[in-house]
Amino acid sequence: MLELEPFYFTVLIPLVPLNKENGTPEFIKGSHRMTYKDSIGKQHIRMDTELGDVIMFDGRIFHRGCANLSQKERPVLYNMIHRNWYVETGK
């Protein structure tokens, strides 16, 4: 992946504000240009959102959704924009 130009982006549109209680996305800063091994110990970034915020990121960055510790649902619209040759298998 390190040799590839950007080939897919993910767009998240939270339908409720996201915070540490209901879980935010987390990214490893700069990891779209690193191997997994090189990303260990690097800065993790999380951000709270308000209604109307959109999070768009290069899919190559190491990312995850953090746990929802609240008792409320956390709906988020999720859209991927990618080159024609990319297929996500889910395996």
C-alpha atoms as a PDB file:
ATOM      1  CA  MET A   1       0.000   0.000   0.000  1.00  0.00           C
ATOM      2  CA  LEU A   2       2.897   2.362   0.619  1.00  0.00           C
ATOM      3  CA  GLU A   3       3.631   2.567  -3.099  1.00  0.00           C
ATOM      4  CA  LEU A   4       0.035   3.238  -4.127  1.00  0.00           C
ATOM      5  CA  GLU A   5      -1.408   6.665  -4.752  1.00  0.00           C
ATOM      6  CA  PRO A   6      -4.637   7.357  -2.841  1.00  0.00           C
ATOM      7  CA  PHE A   7      -7.304   5.023  -4.201  1.00  0.00           C
ATOM      8  CA  TYR A   8     -10.176   5.248  -1.762  1.00  0.00           C
ATOM      9  CA  PHE A   9     -11.611   7.720   0.681  1.00  0.00           C
ATOM     10  CA  THR A  10     -14.155   7.174   3.407  1.00  0.00           C
ATOM     11  CA  VAL A  11     -16.759   9.793   4.275  1.00  0.00           C
ATOM     12  CA  LEU A  12     -18.450   9.587   7.687  1.00  0.00           C
ATOM     13  CA  ILE A  13     -21.473  11.750   8.431  1.00  0.00           C
ATOM     14  CA  PRO A  14     -22.417  11.407  12.108  1.00  0.00           C
ATOM     15  CA  LEU A  15     -26.166  11.718  12.733  1.00  0.00           C
ATOM     16  CA  VAL A  16     -25.509  12.464  16.409  1.00  0.00           C
ATOM     17  CA  PRO A  17     -22.583  14.299  17.984  1.00  0.00           C
ATOM     18  CA  LEU A  18     -19.660  11.900  18.555  1.00  0.00           C
ATOM     19  CA  ASN A  19     -17.567  12.034  21.715  1.00  0.00           C
ATOM     20  CA  LYS A  20     -15.524   9.796  23.994  1.00  0.00           C
ATOM     21  CA  GLU A  21     -18.684   8.440  25.659  1.00  0.00           C
ATOM     22  CA  ASN A  22     -20.425   7.211  22.502  1.00  0.00           C
ATOM     23  CA  GLY A  23     -17.239   6.537  20.546  1.00  0.00           C
ATOM     24  CA  THR A  24     -15.378   8.439  17.874  1.00  0.00           C
ATOM     25  CA  PRO A  25     -13.228   7.271  15.004  1.00  0.00           C
ATOM     26  CA  GLU A  26      -9.543   6.983  15.864  1.00  0.00           C
ATOM     27  CA  PHE A  27      -6.653   7.445  13.449  1.00  0.00           C
ATOM     28  CA  ILE A  28      -2.908   6.881  13.704  1.00  0.00           C
ATOM     29  CA  LYS A  29      -1.341  10.108  12.497  1.00  0.00           C
ATOM     30  CA  GLY A  30       0.618   9.673   9.251  1.00  0.00           C
ATOM     31  CA  SER A  31       0.009   5.914   9.081  1.00  0.00           C
ATOM     32  CA  HIS A  32      -1.132   6.070   5.448  1.00  0.00           C
ATOM     33  CA  ARG A  33       2.594   6.366   4.702  1.00  0.00           C
ATOM     34  CA  MET A  34       3.767   3.653   7.148  1.00  0.00           C
ATOM     35  CA  THR A  35       3.771  -0.073   7.624  1.00  0.00           C
ATOM     36  CA  TYR A  36       1.774  -1.377  10.580  1.00  0.00           C
ATOM     37  CA  LYS A  37       5.026  -2.075  12.441  1.00  0.00           C
ATOM     38  CA  ASP A  38       6.217   1.507  11.877  1.00  0.00           C
ATOM     39  CA  SER A  39       2.896   2.900  13.170  1.00  0.00           C
ATOM     40  CA  ILE A  40       3.217   1.265  16.604  1.00  0.00           C
ATOM     41  CA  GLY A  41       3.639   3.926  19.273  1.00  0.00           C
ATOM     42  CA  LYS A  42       2.692   6.809  16.959  1.00  0.00           C
ATOM     43  CA  GLN A  43       0.149   9.447  17.937  1.00  0.00           C
ATOM     44  CA  HIS A  44      -3.508   8.375  17.930  1.00  0.00           C
ATOM     45  CA  ILE A  45      -6.030  11.080  17.040  1.00  0.00           C
ATOM     46  CA  ARG A  46      -9.693  11.228  18.045  1.00  0.00           C
ATOM     47  CA  MET A  47     -12.010  14.162  17.565  1.00  0.00           C
ATOM     48  CA  ASP A  48     -15.432  15.039  18.881  1.00  0.00           C
ATOM     49  CA  THR A  49     -18.017  16.073  16.294  1.00  0.00           C
ATOM     50  CA  GLU A  50     -21.135  18.203  16.247  1.00  0.00           C
ATOM     51  CA  LEU A  51     -24.180  17.834  14.009  1.00  0.00           C
ATOM     52  CA  GLY A  52     -23.244  18.925  10.500  1.00  0.00           C
ATOM     53  CA  ASP A  53     -19.610  17.794  10.781  1.00  0.00           C
ATOM     54  CA  VAL A  54     -18.205  15.405   8.190  1.00  0.00           C
ATOM     55  CA  ILE A  55     -15.101  13.242   8.572  1.00  0.00           C
ATOM     56  CA  MET A  56     -13.343  12.330   5.330  1.00  0.00           C
ATOM     57  CA  PHE A  57     -10.129  10.323   5.302  1.00  0.00           C
ATOM     58  CA  ASP A  58      -7.734   8.425   3.085  1.00  0.00           C
ATOM     59  CA  GLY A  59      -8.695   4.773   3.554  1.00  0.00           C
ATOM     60  CA  ARG A  60      -5.033   3.774   3.754  1.00  0.00           C
ATOM     61  CA  ILE A  61      -4.672   5.424   7.173  1.00  0.00           C
ATOM     62  CA  PHE A  62      -4.926   2.986  10.088  1.00  0.00           C
ATOM     63  CA  HIS A  63      -8.305   3.677  11.656  1.00  0.00           C
ATOM     64  CA  ARG A  64     -10.971   2.172  13.853  1.00  0.00           C
ATOM     65  CA  GLY A  65     -14.240   3.056  15.510  1.00  0.00           C
ATOM     66  CA  CYS A  66     -13.958   3.306  19.284  1.00  0.00           C
ATOM     67  CA  ALA A  67     -16.419   1.614  21.630  1.00  0.00           C
ATOM     68  CA  ASN A  68     -19.800   3.115  22.321  1.00  0.00           C
ATOM     69  CA  LEU A  69     -19.872   3.258  26.132  1.00  0.00           C
ATOM     70  CA  SER A  70     -23.243   5.015  26.240  1.00  0.00           C
ATOM     71  CA  GLN A  71     -26.659   3.399  26.242  1.00  0.00           C
ATOM     72  CA  LYS A  72     -27.677   5.335  23.104  1.00  0.00           C
ATOM     73  CA  GLU A  73     -27.378   4.418  19.428  1.00  0.00           C
ATOM     74  CA  ARG A  74     -24.603   6.032  17.405  1.00  0.00           C
ATOM     75  CA  PRO A  75     -25.868   6.274  13.813  1.00  0.00           C
ATOM     76  CA  VAL A  76     -23.324   7.332  11.194  1.00  0.00           C
ATOM     77  CA  LEU A  77     -23.714   7.474   7.414  1.00  0.00           C
ATOM     78  CA  TYR A  78     -20.729   5.695   5.847  1.00  0.00           C
ATOM     79  CA  ASN A  79     -19.735   6.152   2.223  1.00  0.00           C
ATOM     80  CA  MET A  80     -16.663   5.012   0.305  1.00  0.00           C
ATOM     81  CA  ILE A  81     -15.386   6.729  -2.816  1.00  0.00           C
ATOM     82  CA  HIS A  82     -12.900   4.540  -4.676  1.00  0.00           C
ATOM     83  CA  ARG A  83     -11.216   3.815  -7.968  1.00  0.00           C
ATOM     84  CA  ASN A  84     -12.963   1.320 -10.248  1.00  0.00           C
ATOM     85  CA  TRP A  85     -10.415  -1.450  -9.670  1.00  0.00           C
ATOM     86  CA  TYR A  86     -10.747  -1.478  -5.854  1.00  0.00           C
ATOM     87  CA  VAL A  87     -13.023  -4.132  -4.369  1.00  0.00           C
ATOM     88  CA  GLU A  88     -13.463  -4.611  -0.616  1.00  0.00           C
ATOM     89  CA  THR A  89     -14.135  -8.263   0.133  1.00  0.00           C
ATOM     90  CA  GLY A  90     -14.900  -8.023   3.855  1.00  0.00           C
ATOM     91  CA  LYS A  91     -12.735 -11.077   4.603  1.00  0.00           C
END
